[in-house]
Protein backbone atom coordinates (compact mmCIF):
# COMPACT_ATOMS: atom_id res chain seq x y z
CA MET A 1 12.66 -43.99 -143.43
CA GLU A 2 9.61 -42.42 -145.20
CA ILE A 3 10.56 -39.22 -147.16
CA VAL A 4 6.80 -36.56 -146.71
CA GLU A 5 6.59 -33.42 -147.56
CA LEU A 6 6.02 -30.82 -144.75
CA SER A 7 2.78 -29.10 -144.63
CA ALA A 8 2.44 -25.43 -143.38
CA ASN A 9 -0.08 -27.21 -140.59
CA GLU A 10 1.30 -25.03 -137.19
CA PRO A 11 2.54 -28.09 -134.89
CA ALA A 12 4.19 -30.16 -137.61
CA VAL A 13 5.98 -27.30 -138.56
CA ARG A 14 6.78 -26.19 -135.03
CA ARG A 15 8.15 -29.59 -134.92
CA PHE A 16 9.92 -29.67 -137.76
CA ILE A 17 11.89 -26.46 -136.66
CA GLU A 18 12.92 -27.87 -133.31
CA GLU A 19 14.11 -30.85 -134.39
CA LEU A 20 15.74 -30.13 -137.41
CA TRP A 21 15.75 -26.40 -138.17
CA LEU A 22 17.32 -25.75 -135.52
CA PRO A 23 19.55 -28.24 -134.95
CA TYR A 24 20.82 -27.64 -138.54
CA TYR A 25 21.25 -24.02 -137.74
CA ARG A 26 23.11 -24.38 -134.09
CA GLU A 27 25.58 -26.33 -136.41
CA LEU A 28 26.18 -23.82 -139.02
CA GLU A 29 26.26 -20.94 -136.43
CA ALA A 30 29.04 -23.23 -134.46
CA THR A 31 31.03 -22.93 -138.60
CA VAL A 32 29.88 -20.52 -140.16
CA ASP A 33 29.72 -17.09 -138.36
CA ALA A 34 27.44 -15.46 -140.75
CA PHE A 35 24.45 -18.05 -139.25
CA LEU A 36 25.36 -17.21 -135.72
CA LEU A 37 21.13 -16.97 -134.16
CA ALA A 38 20.51 -14.44 -132.56
CA ASP A 39 19.55 -15.31 -128.66
CA ASP A 40 17.54 -12.49 -127.48
CA VAL A 41 14.54 -13.95 -129.25
CA ASP A 42 12.12 -16.98 -128.95
CA LEU A 43 14.04 -18.94 -132.51
CA VAL A 44 10.96 -21.41 -132.91
CA ALA A 45 8.10 -18.53 -132.34
CA GLU A 46 9.83 -15.85 -134.43
CA GLU A 47 10.83 -18.66 -137.61
CA LEU A 48 7.41 -20.21 -137.48
CA PRO A 49 4.77 -17.75 -139.42
CA PHE A 50 7.92 -17.23 -141.63
CA ARG A 51 8.12 -21.40 -142.23
CA VAL A 52 4.65 -22.21 -142.58
CA ASN A 53 4.23 -18.65 -145.10
CA ARG A 54 6.72 -20.43 -147.66
CA LEU A 55 5.14 -23.70 -147.47
CA ASP A 56 1.83 -21.88 -148.39
CA SER A 57 3.58 -21.03 -152.06
CA GLU A 58 3.61 -22.99 -154.72
CA GLU A 59 6.87 -22.29 -155.50
CA TYR A 60 8.51 -23.45 -152.17
CA ARG A 61 8.85 -27.44 -150.77
CA THR A 62 10.60 -29.18 -148.00
CA TRP A 63 10.54 -32.62 -147.43
CA LEU A 64 11.21 -34.47 -144.00
CA ALA A 65 13.17 -37.86 -143.37
CA VAL A 66 11.05 -39.77 -141.16
CA ASP A 67 12.50 -42.87 -139.14
CA GLY A 68 9.02 -44.33 -138.18
CA PHE A 69 6.67 -42.97 -140.39
CA THR A 70 3.43 -44.43 -139.53
CA ASP A 71 0.91 -43.30 -142.70
CA GLY A 72 -2.50 -41.86 -141.80
CA THR A 73 -0.52 -40.51 -139.14
CA PRO A 74 -0.17 -36.13 -138.63
CA LEU A 75 3.52 -34.96 -138.99
CA ALA A 76 3.36 -33.12 -135.29
CA ASP A 77 2.05 -36.65 -133.85
CA VAL A 78 4.82 -39.17 -135.73
CA ASP A 79 5.83 -41.22 -132.63
CA GLY A 80 9.26 -41.69 -135.26
CA GLU A 81 12.67 -39.62 -135.14
CA PHE A 82 13.06 -36.67 -137.90
CA ALA A 83 16.38 -37.77 -139.52
CA GLY A 84 16.69 -35.17 -142.42
CA TYR A 85 15.31 -32.93 -144.72
CA ILE A 86 15.93 -30.69 -147.98
CA ALA A 87 14.20 -27.89 -148.85
CA ALA A 88 14.05 -25.99 -152.75
CA GLU A 89 12.35 -22.97 -154.71
CA ILE A 90 11.69 -22.82 -157.80
CA ASP A 91 14.10 -20.46 -159.68
CA GLU A 92 11.77 -19.72 -162.80
CA ALA A 93 14.25 -17.25 -165.58
CA PRO A 94 13.11 -14.17 -166.28
CA SER A 95 12.65 -14.35 -170.06
CA VAL A 96 14.66 -11.92 -171.05
CA PHE A 97 17.36 -14.05 -169.81
CA ASP A 98 18.60 -17.43 -172.00
CA ARG A 99 18.92 -20.11 -169.38
CA PRO A 100 16.51 -22.74 -168.10
CA ASP A 101 13.86 -22.67 -165.00
CA ARG A 102 16.29 -24.26 -162.22
CA LEU A 103 15.55 -25.45 -158.64
CA PHE A 104 17.34 -23.25 -155.94
CA ILE A 105 18.16 -26.12 -153.03
CA CYS A 106 17.71 -24.02 -150.44
CA ASP A 107 18.76 -26.56 -147.37
CA ILE A 108 19.44 -29.40 -146.83
CA TYR A 109 20.70 -31.27 -143.68
CA VAL A 110 20.66 -34.94 -141.91
CA HIS A 111 20.67 -36.01 -138.27
CA GLU A 112 24.65 -37.27 -136.74
CA PRO A 113 23.26 -40.31 -136.81
CA TYR A 114 21.64 -40.87 -139.41
CA ARG A 115 24.96 -39.31 -141.95
CA GLY A 116 27.14 -41.56 -143.89
CA THR A 117 23.42 -44.09 -144.85
CA GLY A 118 22.51 -42.88 -147.72
CA LEU A 119 20.68 -40.26 -146.65
CA ALA A 120 21.60 -37.45 -147.97
CA ASP A 121 20.86 -38.71 -151.17
CA ASP A 122 17.92 -39.91 -151.08
CA LEU A 123 16.62 -36.66 -150.24
CA PHE A 124 18.41 -35.08 -153.29
CA ASP A 125 16.84 -37.72 -155.15
CA ARG A 126 13.04 -36.84 -153.68
CA ILE A 127 14.12 -32.95 -155.16
CA ARG A 128 15.33 -34.13 -158.02
CA ASP A 129 12.11 -35.78 -158.96
CA TRP A 130 9.98 -32.74 -158.08
CA ALA A 131 12.66 -30.52 -160.08
CA ARG A 132 11.53 -32.88 -162.98
CA ASP A 133 8.48 -31.85 -162.70
CA ALA A 134 8.17 -28.53 -162.38
CA GLY A 135 9.92 -28.45 -165.52
CA CYS A 136 13.59 -27.11 -163.91
CA GLU A 137 16.22 -28.04 -166.16
CA GLU A 138 18.94 -27.26 -163.46
CA PHE A 139 19.78 -27.05 -159.55
CA SER A 140 21.50 -24.25 -158.18
CA LEU A 141 22.54 -23.30 -154.29
CA ASP A 142 24.97 -21.44 -152.56
CA PRO A 143 26.98 -23.48 -150.06
CA HIS A 144 29.29 -21.34 -147.72
CA VAL A 145 32.64 -21.21 -148.33
CA ASP A 146 33.47 -22.51 -144.67
CA ASN A 147 31.83 -25.64 -145.27
CA ASP A 148 33.63 -28.08 -146.65
CA ARG A 149 31.31 -31.24 -145.77
CA ALA A 150 28.47 -29.11 -147.86
CA ILE A 151 30.61 -28.18 -150.53
CA ALA A 152 32.22 -32.07 -150.90
CA PHE A 153 28.72 -33.90 -150.94
CA TYR A 154 27.73 -30.98 -153.83
CA GLU A 155 30.74 -31.92 -156.16
CA LYS A 156 30.12 -35.64 -155.88
CA LEU A 157 26.53 -35.28 -156.89
CA GLY A 158 28.06 -33.24 -160.13
CA PHE A 159 27.76 -29.25 -158.83
CA GLU A 160 29.94 -27.31 -160.08
CA ARG A 161 31.02 -24.28 -159.36
CA THR A 162 29.86 -21.06 -161.72
CA GLN A 163 30.18 -18.03 -159.25
CA TYR A 164 31.22 -16.13 -156.22
CA HIS A 165 28.58 -14.46 -154.38
CA MET A 166 30.27 -11.14 -151.98
CA VAL A 167 29.65 -9.75 -149.08
CA ALA A 168 31.13 -6.59 -147.79
CA SER A 169 30.07 -4.13 -145.25
CA VAL A 170 28.50 -0.97 -145.47
CA ASP A 171 31.08 0.53 -143.08
CA ASP A 172 34.16 -0.66 -144.98
């Protein structure tokens, strides 16, 4: 298993969306109403330019765990399976606040056959390396309150609840 950085290469990003991003969000929408996907658009076509644009940023990274990766083979053409991913972005502290820069973890996902293998820990270790390289002293993330599996994993890694994120309808 190799953990490789996803570049803004459209064919590789398309494969990532189809094989990892979409299955992840399909699982989320089955358990968390806030993640319901639109049914009237081509999800891959809509996500592709957004994801490529984010990957072009210096502050955002995505790493893929690829089972059967061969060095030198473009990600879009790798025969191996995309087994999981982690995505994060740098959250720089504005100078008016006395807090360190943080690495905000946007997503972490591992395909079912790879769960329980330590792959999520390996992905997290990769993001920890980037946090150190980027000068970030802390991590942050916003797991959904209904995502018990994710919350348990983050607590095992040492994350602590520091705030609540609340949402209300404008019509209430």
